[in-house]
């Protein structure tokens, strides 16, 4: 955000500042997979089917092109009052077919141990309108068979939880004993 004087305004989150904001850890023996995405399934169901078959609990996911028959997504908005600085606006539904032209996702688990997919991407409608946002993968219906690229993150577990600084639900990484978190 720019101020009138042209200086960048410093945003301050509500919670205590974490001593380490971002960990960087190189994957060891990381495996990549090309997985099928099946027509008629939701994006969530299709990805989870492959994750279970491969016994993968945490992953990065990339989709380069895919036809969707319908899509539910959210945009971000500025937080209001006691909300975090950024929040999701109410979900929107795109009921017409679209072409997903790129997305990236992180796969981990929710508090009940079920798979959770956090996905952002862009689609183009038949009229040429580009729409981007946070995809609700349980409500994205695949229109034609396609593929995704899955990168196993075997060295960590990702569990959804509230980040104390940003007061938002995000993945919290836990590193496995065979690999160590950065100092």
N, C-alpha and C. Protein backbone atom coordinates (compact mmCIF):
# COMPACT_ATOMS: atom_id res chain seq x y z
N UNK A 1 0.85 -1.17 0.00
CA UNK A 1 0.00 0.00 0.00
C UNK A 1 0.89 1.23 0.00
N UNK A 2 0.60 2.17 -0.89
CA UNK A 2 1.39 3.40 -0.99
C UNK A 2 0.65 4.55 -0.31
N UNK A 3 1.39 5.42 0.36
CA UNK A 3 0.81 6.61 0.95
C UNK A 3 0.93 7.75 -0.05
N UNK A 4 0.33 8.90 0.27
CA UNK A 4 0.39 10.06 -0.63
C UNK A 4 1.82 10.52 -0.85
N UNK A 5 2.66 10.37 0.14
CA UNK A 5 4.05 10.81 0.01
C UNK A 5 4.88 9.82 -0.80
N UNK A 6 4.29 8.72 -1.26
CA UNK A 6 5.00 7.74 -2.05
C UNK A 6 5.76 6.71 -1.25
N UNK A 7 5.59 6.74 0.07
CA UNK A 7 6.26 5.76 0.92
C UNK A 7 5.35 4.55 1.11
N UNK A 8 5.94 3.42 1.29
CA UNK A 8 5.18 2.21 1.56
C UNK A 8 4.72 2.24 3.01
N UNK A 9 3.42 2.04 3.19
CA UNK A 9 2.87 2.02 4.55
C UNK A 9 3.14 0.66 5.17
N UNK A 10 3.68 0.64 6.37
CA UNK A 10 3.96 -0.59 7.08
C UNK A 10 2.66 -1.14 7.67
N UNK A 11 2.34 -2.37 7.33
CA UNK A 11 1.15 -3.02 7.88
C UNK A 11 1.55 -3.77 9.14
N UNK A 12 0.75 -3.65 10.17
CA UNK A 12 1.04 -4.31 11.44
C UNK A 12 -0.09 -5.28 11.76
N UNK A 13 0.28 -6.56 11.90
CA UNK A 13 -0.70 -7.57 12.27
C UNK A 13 -1.02 -7.47 13.75
N UNK A 14 -2.14 -8.06 14.14
CA UNK A 14 -2.65 -7.93 15.50
C UNK A 14 -1.84 -8.70 16.54
N UNK A 15 -1.25 -9.81 16.16
CA UNK A 15 -0.59 -10.68 17.14
C UNK A 15 0.89 -10.41 17.29
N UNK A 16 1.53 -11.19 18.17
CA UNK A 16 2.97 -11.03 18.39
C UNK A 16 3.75 -11.46 17.15
N UNK A 17 4.83 -10.74 16.87
CA UNK A 17 5.65 -11.04 15.70
C UNK A 17 6.43 -12.33 15.95
N UNK A 18 6.33 -13.25 15.01
CA UNK A 18 7.05 -14.52 15.13
C UNK A 18 8.55 -14.27 14.96
N UNK A 19 9.40 -14.95 15.75
CA UNK A 19 10.85 -14.75 15.60
C UNK A 19 11.34 -15.19 14.21
N UNK A 20 10.71 -16.21 13.63
CA UNK A 20 11.04 -16.67 12.29
C UNK A 20 9.74 -16.67 11.50
N UNK A 21 9.67 -15.86 10.46
CA UNK A 21 8.44 -15.77 9.67
C UNK A 21 8.37 -16.87 8.63
N UNK A 22 9.51 -17.23 8.06
CA UNK A 22 9.47 -18.21 6.98
C UNK A 22 10.66 -19.16 7.12
N UNK A 23 10.37 -20.45 7.07
CA UNK A 23 11.41 -21.46 7.04
C UNK A 23 11.67 -21.84 5.59
N UNK A 24 12.92 -22.09 5.28
CA UNK A 24 13.28 -22.61 3.97
C UNK A 24 14.04 -23.89 4.22
N UNK A 25 13.55 -24.97 3.64
CA UNK A 25 14.16 -26.27 3.85
C UNK A 25 14.13 -27.02 2.54
N UNK A 26 15.27 -27.41 2.08
CA UNK A 26 15.34 -28.16 0.81
C UNK A 26 14.78 -29.56 1.02
N UNK A 27 13.96 -29.99 0.07
CA UNK A 27 13.43 -31.35 0.14
C UNK A 27 14.51 -32.35 -0.16
N UNK A 28 14.46 -33.46 0.53
CA UNK A 28 15.43 -34.53 0.30
C UNK A 28 14.67 -35.72 -0.24
N UNK A 29 15.18 -36.28 -1.31
CA UNK A 29 14.53 -37.43 -1.94
C UNK A 29 13.07 -37.12 -2.26
N UNK A 30 12.81 -35.88 -2.61
CA UNK A 30 11.45 -35.44 -2.93
C UNK A 30 11.01 -36.09 -4.24
N UNK A 31 9.79 -36.60 -4.26
CA UNK A 31 9.28 -37.26 -5.45
C UNK A 31 8.21 -36.40 -6.11
N UNK A 32 8.21 -36.42 -7.44
CA UNK A 32 7.21 -35.69 -8.23
C UNK A 32 6.34 -36.72 -8.94
N UNK A 33 5.05 -36.39 -9.05
CA UNK A 33 4.09 -37.30 -9.69
C UNK A 33 3.22 -36.51 -10.65
N UNK A 34 2.83 -37.16 -11.72
CA UNK A 34 1.82 -36.63 -12.64
C UNK A 34 0.56 -37.42 -12.34
N UNK A 35 -0.46 -36.74 -11.80
CA UNK A 35 -1.66 -37.46 -11.37
C UNK A 35 -2.85 -37.10 -12.26
N UNK A 36 -3.78 -38.05 -12.41
CA UNK A 36 -4.96 -37.77 -13.25
C UNK A 36 -6.00 -36.94 -12.50
N UNK A 37 -6.70 -36.10 -13.25
CA UNK A 37 -7.85 -35.37 -12.74
C UNK A 37 -9.03 -35.83 -13.59
N UNK A 38 -10.05 -36.37 -12.96
CA UNK A 38 -11.13 -37.06 -13.66
C UNK A 38 -12.36 -36.21 -13.88
N UNK A 39 -12.83 -36.22 -15.12
CA UNK A 39 -14.08 -35.54 -15.51
C UNK A 39 -15.22 -36.00 -14.60
N UNK A 40 -16.03 -35.04 -14.15
CA UNK A 40 -17.19 -35.35 -13.32
C UNK A 40 -16.91 -35.36 -11.83
N UNK A 41 -15.62 -35.37 -11.44
CA UNK A 41 -15.27 -35.31 -10.02
C UNK A 41 -14.97 -33.86 -9.63
N UNK A 42 -15.02 -33.59 -8.34
CA UNK A 42 -14.55 -32.29 -7.89
C UNK A 42 -13.03 -32.31 -7.90
N UNK A 43 -12.44 -31.14 -7.95
CA UNK A 43 -10.99 -31.04 -7.91
C UNK A 43 -10.46 -31.68 -6.62
N UNK A 44 -11.15 -31.44 -5.53
CA UNK A 44 -10.75 -32.01 -4.23
C UNK A 44 -10.75 -33.54 -4.29
N UNK A 45 -11.86 -34.14 -4.72
CA UNK A 45 -11.99 -35.60 -4.74
C UNK A 45 -10.96 -36.24 -5.65
N UNK A 46 -10.72 -35.65 -6.81
CA UNK A 46 -9.77 -36.21 -7.75
C UNK A 46 -8.35 -36.19 -7.20
N UNK A 47 -7.94 -35.09 -6.59
CA UNK A 47 -6.60 -34.98 -6.01
C UNK A 47 -6.46 -35.92 -4.82
N UNK A 48 -7.45 -35.93 -3.94
CA UNK A 48 -7.38 -36.77 -2.73
C UNK A 48 -7.31 -38.25 -3.10
N UNK A 49 -7.99 -38.66 -4.14
CA UNK A 49 -7.92 -40.06 -4.58
C UNK A 49 -6.46 -40.46 -4.85
N UNK A 50 -5.73 -39.61 -5.57
CA UNK A 50 -4.32 -39.90 -5.87
C UNK A 50 -3.45 -39.81 -4.62
N UNK A 51 -3.70 -38.82 -3.76
CA UNK A 51 -2.92 -38.70 -2.53
C UNK A 51 -3.03 -39.96 -1.69
N UNK A 52 -4.24 -40.47 -1.55
CA UNK A 52 -4.44 -41.71 -0.76
C UNK A 52 -3.74 -42.89 -1.42
N UNK A 53 -3.86 -43.01 -2.74
CA UNK A 53 -3.23 -44.13 -3.45
C UNK A 53 -1.71 -44.08 -3.32
N UNK A 54 -1.13 -42.90 -3.27
CA UNK A 54 0.32 -42.73 -3.15
C UNK A 54 0.79 -42.63 -1.70
N UNK A 55 -0.15 -42.62 -0.75
CA UNK A 55 0.14 -42.47 0.68
C UNK A 55 0.95 -41.20 0.96
N UNK A 56 0.48 -40.10 0.38
CA UNK A 56 1.12 -38.79 0.57
C UNK A 56 0.22 -37.94 1.48
N UNK A 57 0.81 -37.36 2.51
CA UNK A 57 0.06 -36.54 3.48
C UNK A 57 0.23 -35.04 3.25
N UNK A 58 1.39 -34.62 2.72
CA UNK A 58 1.66 -33.20 2.47
C UNK A 58 2.30 -33.07 1.10
N UNK A 59 1.87 -32.04 0.37
CA UNK A 59 2.37 -31.89 -1.01
C UNK A 59 2.18 -30.47 -1.52
N UNK A 60 2.91 -30.17 -2.58
CA UNK A 60 2.67 -28.99 -3.39
C UNK A 60 2.04 -29.49 -4.68
N UNK A 61 1.11 -28.71 -5.22
CA UNK A 61 0.33 -29.15 -6.38
C UNK A 61 0.32 -28.03 -7.41
N UNK A 62 0.45 -28.39 -8.68
CA UNK A 62 0.41 -27.42 -9.75
C UNK A 62 -0.47 -27.96 -10.88
N UNK A 63 -1.35 -27.10 -11.39
CA UNK A 63 -2.19 -27.46 -12.53
C UNK A 63 -1.98 -26.36 -13.57
N UNK A 64 -1.63 -26.75 -14.77
CA UNK A 64 -1.32 -25.78 -15.83
C UNK A 64 -2.50 -25.50 -16.76
N UNK A 65 -3.37 -26.48 -16.96
CA UNK A 65 -4.53 -26.29 -17.84
C UNK A 65 -5.57 -27.36 -17.49
N UNK A 66 -6.83 -26.92 -17.36
CA UNK A 66 -7.90 -27.85 -17.01
C UNK A 66 -9.24 -27.19 -17.29
N UNK A 67 -10.15 -27.93 -17.90
CA UNK A 67 -11.50 -27.40 -18.10
C UNK A 67 -12.33 -27.71 -16.86
N UNK A 68 -12.99 -26.67 -16.37
CA UNK A 68 -13.90 -26.80 -15.23
C UNK A 68 -15.31 -26.50 -15.71
N UNK A 69 -16.27 -27.29 -15.24
CA UNK A 69 -17.68 -27.01 -15.57
C UNK A 69 -18.27 -25.95 -14.65
N UNK A 70 -17.78 -25.90 -13.42
CA UNK A 70 -18.22 -24.87 -12.46
C UNK A 70 -17.10 -24.65 -11.45
N UNK A 71 -17.19 -23.53 -10.78
CA UNK A 71 -16.12 -23.11 -9.88
C UNK A 71 -16.69 -22.25 -8.77
N UNK A 72 -16.24 -22.49 -7.53
CA UNK A 72 -16.51 -21.58 -6.41
C UNK A 72 -15.17 -21.06 -5.95
N UNK A 73 -15.13 -19.76 -5.70
CA UNK A 73 -13.87 -19.14 -5.33
C UNK A 73 -14.15 -17.94 -4.43
N UNK A 74 -13.10 -17.49 -3.77
CA UNK A 74 -13.18 -16.30 -2.91
C UNK A 74 -12.10 -15.32 -3.34
N UNK A 75 -12.39 -14.07 -3.13
CA UNK A 75 -11.42 -13.00 -3.32
C UNK A 75 -11.05 -12.49 -1.92
N UNK A 76 -9.93 -11.81 -1.82
CA UNK A 76 -9.58 -11.22 -0.53
C UNK A 76 -10.14 -9.81 -0.45
N UNK A 77 -10.29 -9.35 0.77
CA UNK A 77 -10.74 -7.99 1.03
C UNK A 77 -9.98 -7.50 2.26
N UNK A 78 -9.98 -6.21 2.45
CA UNK A 78 -9.34 -5.64 3.62
C UNK A 78 -10.13 -6.01 4.87
N UNK A 79 -9.41 -6.37 5.93
CA UNK A 79 -10.07 -6.70 7.19
C UNK A 79 -10.76 -5.48 7.79
N UNK A 80 -11.83 -5.73 8.51
CA UNK A 80 -12.62 -4.67 9.13
C UNK A 80 -12.61 -4.86 10.64
N UNK A 81 -12.42 -3.78 11.37
CA UNK A 81 -12.47 -3.83 12.84
C UNK A 81 -11.41 -4.75 13.42
N UNK A 82 -11.85 -5.78 14.17
CA UNK A 82 -10.94 -6.70 14.83
C UNK A 82 -10.51 -7.86 13.93
N UNK A 83 -10.95 -7.86 12.68
CA UNK A 83 -10.55 -8.92 11.76
C UNK A 83 -9.07 -8.80 11.43
N UNK A 84 -8.47 -9.87 10.89
CA UNK A 84 -7.10 -9.77 10.38
C UNK A 84 -7.01 -8.71 9.28
N UNK A 85 -5.80 -8.27 8.93
CA UNK A 85 -5.61 -7.24 7.91
C UNK A 85 -6.25 -7.62 6.57
N UNK A 86 -6.20 -8.91 6.25
CA UNK A 86 -6.83 -9.40 5.02
C UNK A 86 -7.78 -10.53 5.39
N UNK A 87 -8.92 -10.57 4.73
CA UNK A 87 -9.92 -11.61 4.98
C UNK A 87 -10.52 -12.02 3.64
N UNK A 88 -11.21 -13.15 3.62
CA UNK A 88 -11.87 -13.57 2.40
C UNK A 88 -13.27 -12.96 2.32
N UNK A 89 -13.62 -12.49 1.15
CA UNK A 89 -14.99 -12.04 0.88
C UNK A 89 -15.86 -13.28 0.74
N UNK A 90 -17.18 -13.14 0.78
CA UNK A 90 -18.06 -14.30 0.60
C UNK A 90 -17.77 -15.01 -0.72
N UNK A 91 -17.93 -16.35 -0.75
CA UNK A 91 -17.65 -17.11 -1.98
C UNK A 91 -18.53 -16.66 -3.15
N UNK A 92 -17.95 -16.77 -4.34
CA UNK A 92 -18.67 -16.51 -5.59
C UNK A 92 -18.74 -17.82 -6.37
N UNK A 93 -19.76 -17.95 -7.19
CA UNK A 93 -19.91 -19.14 -8.02
C UNK A 93 -19.87 -18.76 -9.48
N UNK A 94 -19.06 -19.49 -10.24
CA UNK A 94 -19.04 -19.37 -11.70
C UNK A 94 -19.67 -20.65 -12.22
N UNK A 95 -20.89 -20.55 -12.75
CA UNK A 95 -21.64 -21.73 -13.17
C UNK A 95 -21.39 -22.13 -14.61
N UNK A 96 -20.65 -21.32 -15.37
CA UNK A 96 -20.38 -21.66 -16.76
C UNK A 96 -19.00 -22.32 -16.87
N UNK A 97 -18.78 -23.11 -17.93
CA UNK A 97 -17.46 -23.72 -18.12
C UNK A 97 -16.38 -22.65 -18.22
N UNK A 98 -15.19 -23.01 -17.77
CA UNK A 98 -14.03 -22.12 -17.85
C UNK A 98 -12.79 -22.97 -18.03
N UNK A 99 -11.72 -22.33 -18.41
CA UNK A 99 -10.44 -23.02 -18.55
C UNK A 99 -9.51 -22.51 -17.46
N UNK A 100 -9.08 -23.42 -16.60
CA UNK A 100 -8.09 -23.08 -15.59
C UNK A 100 -6.77 -22.94 -16.32
N UNK A 101 -6.15 -21.77 -16.21
CA UNK A 101 -4.90 -21.53 -16.93
C UNK A 101 -3.67 -21.60 -16.04
N UNK A 102 -3.88 -21.79 -14.77
CA UNK A 102 -2.76 -21.96 -13.86
C UNK A 102 -3.21 -21.90 -12.42
N UNK A 103 -2.66 -22.79 -11.62
CA UNK A 103 -2.97 -22.76 -10.19
C UNK A 103 -1.82 -23.38 -9.42
N UNK A 104 -1.74 -23.01 -8.18
CA UNK A 104 -0.80 -23.59 -7.24
C UNK A 104 -1.52 -23.90 -5.96
N UNK A 105 -1.18 -25.01 -5.35
CA UNK A 105 -1.88 -25.41 -4.13
C UNK A 105 -0.90 -26.05 -3.15
N UNK A 106 -1.27 -26.01 -1.90
CA UNK A 106 -0.57 -26.70 -0.84
C UNK A 106 -1.56 -27.67 -0.23
N UNK A 107 -1.10 -28.89 0.03
CA UNK A 107 -1.96 -29.93 0.58
C UNK A 107 -1.44 -30.32 1.95
N UNK A 108 -2.34 -30.38 2.91
CA UNK A 108 -2.01 -30.81 4.25
C UNK A 108 -3.25 -31.39 4.89
N UNK A 109 -3.40 -31.18 6.19
CA UNK A 109 -4.53 -31.75 6.92
C UNK A 109 -5.26 -30.69 7.73
N UNK A 110 -6.55 -30.93 7.96
CA UNK A 110 -7.31 -30.07 8.86
C UNK A 110 -7.22 -30.63 10.28
N UNK A 111 -7.92 -30.01 11.21
CA UNK A 111 -7.84 -30.42 12.61
C UNK A 111 -8.39 -31.83 12.87
N UNK A 112 -9.21 -32.35 11.95
CA UNK A 112 -9.77 -33.70 12.09
C UNK A 112 -8.92 -34.74 11.37
N UNK A 113 -7.84 -34.32 10.72
CA UNK A 113 -6.97 -35.24 10.02
C UNK A 113 -7.36 -35.50 8.57
N UNK A 114 -8.40 -34.83 8.09
CA UNK A 114 -8.80 -34.97 6.69
C UNK A 114 -7.90 -34.10 5.82
N UNK A 115 -7.79 -34.46 4.55
CA UNK A 115 -7.01 -33.64 3.63
C UNK A 115 -7.60 -32.24 3.53
N UNK A 116 -6.72 -31.25 3.40
CA UNK A 116 -7.13 -29.87 3.19
C UNK A 116 -6.28 -29.34 2.05
N UNK A 117 -6.91 -28.74 1.05
CA UNK A 117 -6.20 -28.20 -0.10
C UNK A 117 -6.41 -26.69 -0.15
N UNK A 118 -5.31 -25.96 -0.06
CA UNK A 118 -5.35 -24.49 -0.18
C UNK A 118 -4.86 -24.16 -1.58
N UNK A 119 -5.77 -23.65 -2.42
CA UNK A 119 -5.49 -23.50 -3.85
C UNK A 119 -5.83 -22.10 -4.33
N UNK A 120 -4.90 -21.50 -5.06
CA UNK A 120 -5.14 -20.22 -5.74
C UNK A 120 -4.91 -20.44 -7.22
N UNK A 121 -5.71 -19.77 -8.04
CA UNK A 121 -5.53 -19.94 -9.47
C UNK A 121 -6.29 -18.92 -10.29
N UNK A 122 -6.18 -19.08 -11.61
CA UNK A 122 -6.86 -18.22 -12.58
C UNK A 122 -7.61 -19.09 -13.58
N UNK A 123 -8.81 -18.64 -13.95
CA UNK A 123 -9.57 -19.26 -15.03
C UNK A 123 -9.94 -18.19 -16.04
N UNK A 124 -10.26 -18.65 -17.27
CA UNK A 124 -10.76 -17.76 -18.31
C UNK A 124 -12.11 -18.30 -18.75
N UNK A 125 -13.10 -17.42 -18.82
CA UNK A 125 -14.45 -17.80 -19.25
C UNK A 125 -14.52 -17.81 -20.78
N UNK A 126 -15.60 -18.39 -21.35
CA UNK A 126 -15.75 -18.36 -22.81
C UNK A 126 -15.77 -16.94 -23.38
N UNK A 127 -16.19 -15.96 -22.59
CA UNK A 127 -16.22 -14.57 -23.05
C UNK A 127 -14.84 -13.90 -22.93
N UNK A 128 -13.85 -14.63 -22.42
CA UNK A 128 -12.50 -14.08 -22.31
C UNK A 128 -12.22 -13.34 -21.02
N UNK A 129 -13.12 -13.43 -20.06
CA UNK A 129 -12.93 -12.78 -18.76
C UNK A 129 -12.02 -13.65 -17.90
N UNK A 130 -10.96 -13.05 -17.34
CA UNK A 130 -10.08 -13.79 -16.45
C UNK A 130 -10.51 -13.55 -15.01
N UNK A 131 -10.61 -14.64 -14.26
CA UNK A 131 -11.03 -14.60 -12.86
C UNK A 131 -9.97 -15.32 -12.05
N UNK A 132 -9.57 -14.73 -10.95
CA UNK A 132 -8.59 -15.36 -10.08
C UNK A 132 -9.02 -15.27 -8.64
N UNK A 133 -8.49 -16.16 -7.85
CA UNK A 133 -8.80 -16.13 -6.42
C UNK A 133 -8.43 -17.42 -5.73
N UNK A 134 -9.00 -17.58 -4.55
CA UNK A 134 -8.83 -18.77 -3.72
C UNK A 134 -9.94 -19.75 -4.12
N UNK A 135 -9.55 -20.91 -4.67
CA UNK A 135 -10.54 -21.89 -5.14
C UNK A 135 -11.01 -22.77 -4.00
N UNK A 136 -12.31 -22.97 -3.91
CA UNK A 136 -12.90 -23.92 -2.97
C UNK A 136 -12.96 -25.25 -3.72
N UNK A 137 -11.92 -26.06 -3.59
CA UNK A 137 -11.72 -27.24 -4.44
C UNK A 137 -12.84 -28.26 -4.32
N UNK A 138 -13.54 -28.27 -3.20
CA UNK A 138 -14.67 -29.19 -3.02
C UNK A 138 -15.83 -28.82 -3.94
N UNK A 139 -15.81 -27.60 -4.46
CA UNK A 139 -16.90 -27.10 -5.31
C UNK A 139 -16.41 -26.72 -6.71
N UNK A 140 -15.30 -27.28 -7.14
CA UNK A 140 -14.79 -27.05 -8.50
C UNK A 140 -14.99 -28.35 -9.28
N UNK A 141 -15.92 -28.36 -10.22
CA UNK A 141 -16.27 -29.57 -10.95
C UNK A 141 -15.45 -29.66 -12.24
N UNK A 142 -14.73 -30.77 -12.38
CA UNK A 142 -13.85 -30.99 -13.53
C UNK A 142 -14.70 -31.33 -14.75
N UNK A 143 -14.48 -30.62 -15.87
CA UNK A 143 -15.26 -30.80 -17.09
C UNK A 143 -14.65 -31.76 -18.09
N UNK A 144 -13.34 -31.93 -18.07
CA UNK A 144 -12.64 -32.87 -18.96
C UNK A 144 -11.48 -33.47 -18.19
N UNK A 145 -11.10 -34.70 -18.53
CA UNK A 145 -9.93 -35.31 -17.90
C UNK A 145 -8.73 -34.40 -18.08
N UNK A 146 -7.89 -34.37 -17.08
CA UNK A 146 -6.68 -33.55 -17.13
C UNK A 146 -5.62 -34.14 -16.23
N UNK A 147 -4.58 -33.37 -15.97
CA UNK A 147 -3.50 -33.82 -15.09
C UNK A 147 -3.07 -32.69 -14.16
N UNK A 148 -2.48 -33.10 -13.07
CA UNK A 148 -1.86 -32.17 -12.13
C UNK A 148 -0.48 -32.71 -11.81
N UNK A 149 0.37 -31.83 -11.33
CA UNK A 149 1.72 -32.23 -10.95
C UNK A 149 1.82 -32.08 -9.43
N UNK A 150 2.18 -33.18 -8.80
CA UNK A 150 2.18 -33.29 -7.35
C UNK A 150 3.62 -33.50 -6.88
N UNK A 151 4.04 -32.72 -5.90
CA UNK A 151 5.38 -32.81 -5.35
C UNK A 151 5.26 -33.17 -3.87
N UNK A 152 5.65 -34.42 -3.54
CA UNK A 152 5.51 -34.91 -2.17
C UNK A 152 6.42 -34.14 -1.22
N UNK A 153 5.89 -33.77 -0.08
CA UNK A 153 6.66 -33.08 0.97
C UNK A 153 6.78 -34.03 2.16
N UNK A 154 7.48 -35.14 1.95
CA UNK A 154 7.57 -36.20 2.96
C UNK A 154 8.28 -35.78 4.23
N UNK A 155 9.05 -34.71 4.17
CA UNK A 155 9.87 -34.29 5.30
C UNK A 155 9.11 -33.42 6.31
N UNK A 156 7.82 -33.16 6.03
CA UNK A 156 7.06 -32.35 6.99
C UNK A 156 5.59 -32.73 7.00
N UNK A 157 4.93 -32.29 8.04
CA UNK A 157 3.48 -32.40 8.15
C UNK A 157 2.94 -30.98 8.12
N UNK A 158 1.82 -30.81 7.47
CA UNK A 158 1.17 -29.50 7.40
C UNK A 158 -0.22 -29.63 8.01
N UNK A 159 -0.46 -28.89 9.08
CA UNK A 159 -1.73 -28.92 9.78
C UNK A 159 -2.29 -27.50 9.82
N UNK A 160 -3.55 -27.36 9.44
CA UNK A 160 -4.21 -26.05 9.47
C UNK A 160 -4.35 -25.60 10.92
N UNK A 161 -3.99 -24.36 11.18
CA UNK A 161 -4.13 -23.79 12.52
C UNK A 161 -4.07 -22.28 12.45
N UNK A 162 -4.47 -21.64 13.53
CA UNK A 162 -4.45 -20.18 13.60
C UNK A 162 -3.02 -19.70 13.86
N UNK A 163 -2.53 -18.85 12.98
CA UNK A 163 -1.22 -18.24 13.16
C UNK A 163 -1.38 -17.12 14.19
N UNK A 164 -0.58 -17.13 15.27
CA UNK A 164 -0.77 -16.14 16.33
C UNK A 164 -0.52 -14.70 15.90
N UNK A 165 0.34 -14.49 14.90
CA UNK A 165 0.63 -13.12 14.47
C UNK A 165 -0.45 -12.57 13.55
N UNK A 166 -0.79 -13.32 12.52
CA UNK A 166 -1.73 -12.79 11.52
C UNK A 166 -3.18 -13.11 11.83
N UNK A 167 -3.42 -13.94 12.87
CA UNK A 167 -4.78 -14.26 13.32
C UNK A 167 -5.63 -14.86 12.20
N UNK A 168 -4.98 -15.64 11.34
CA UNK A 168 -5.65 -16.27 10.22
C UNK A 168 -5.30 -17.75 10.20
N UNK A 169 -6.20 -18.55 9.70
CA UNK A 169 -5.98 -19.98 9.58
C UNK A 169 -5.04 -20.25 8.41
N UNK A 170 -3.87 -20.82 8.70
CA UNK A 170 -2.87 -21.17 7.68
C UNK A 170 -2.22 -22.50 8.08
N UNK A 171 -1.48 -23.09 7.13
CA UNK A 171 -0.75 -24.31 7.45
C UNK A 171 0.38 -24.03 8.42
N UNK A 172 0.49 -24.89 9.42
CA UNK A 172 1.57 -24.83 10.39
C UNK A 172 2.48 -26.04 10.13
N UNK A 173 3.74 -25.82 9.69
CA UNK A 173 4.61 -26.95 9.38
C UNK A 173 5.23 -27.57 10.63
N UNK A 174 5.36 -28.87 10.61
CA UNK A 174 6.09 -29.61 11.63
C UNK A 174 7.05 -30.52 10.87
N UNK A 175 8.32 -30.43 11.18
CA UNK A 175 9.32 -31.20 10.46
C UNK A 175 9.48 -32.57 11.10
N UNK A 176 9.68 -33.57 10.26
CA UNK A 176 9.88 -34.92 10.75
C UNK A 176 11.27 -35.05 11.35
N UNK A 177 11.45 -36.03 12.23
CA UNK A 177 12.72 -36.19 12.94
C UNK A 177 13.90 -36.43 12.02
N UNK A 178 13.67 -37.03 10.87
CA UNK A 178 14.78 -37.33 9.96
C UNK A 178 15.34 -36.07 9.31
N UNK A 179 14.59 -34.99 9.35
CA UNK A 179 15.02 -33.70 8.81
C UNK A 179 14.87 -32.66 9.90
N UNK A 180 15.70 -31.68 9.88
CA UNK A 180 15.66 -30.67 10.93
C UNK A 180 15.24 -29.33 10.38
N UNK A 181 14.45 -28.61 11.17
CA UNK A 181 14.06 -27.25 10.80
C UNK A 181 15.30 -26.36 10.83
N UNK A 182 15.30 -25.32 10.03
CA UNK A 182 16.45 -24.41 10.03
C UNK A 182 16.64 -23.75 11.39
N UNK A 183 17.90 -23.40 11.70
CA UNK A 183 18.17 -22.72 12.98
C UNK A 183 17.71 -21.28 12.93
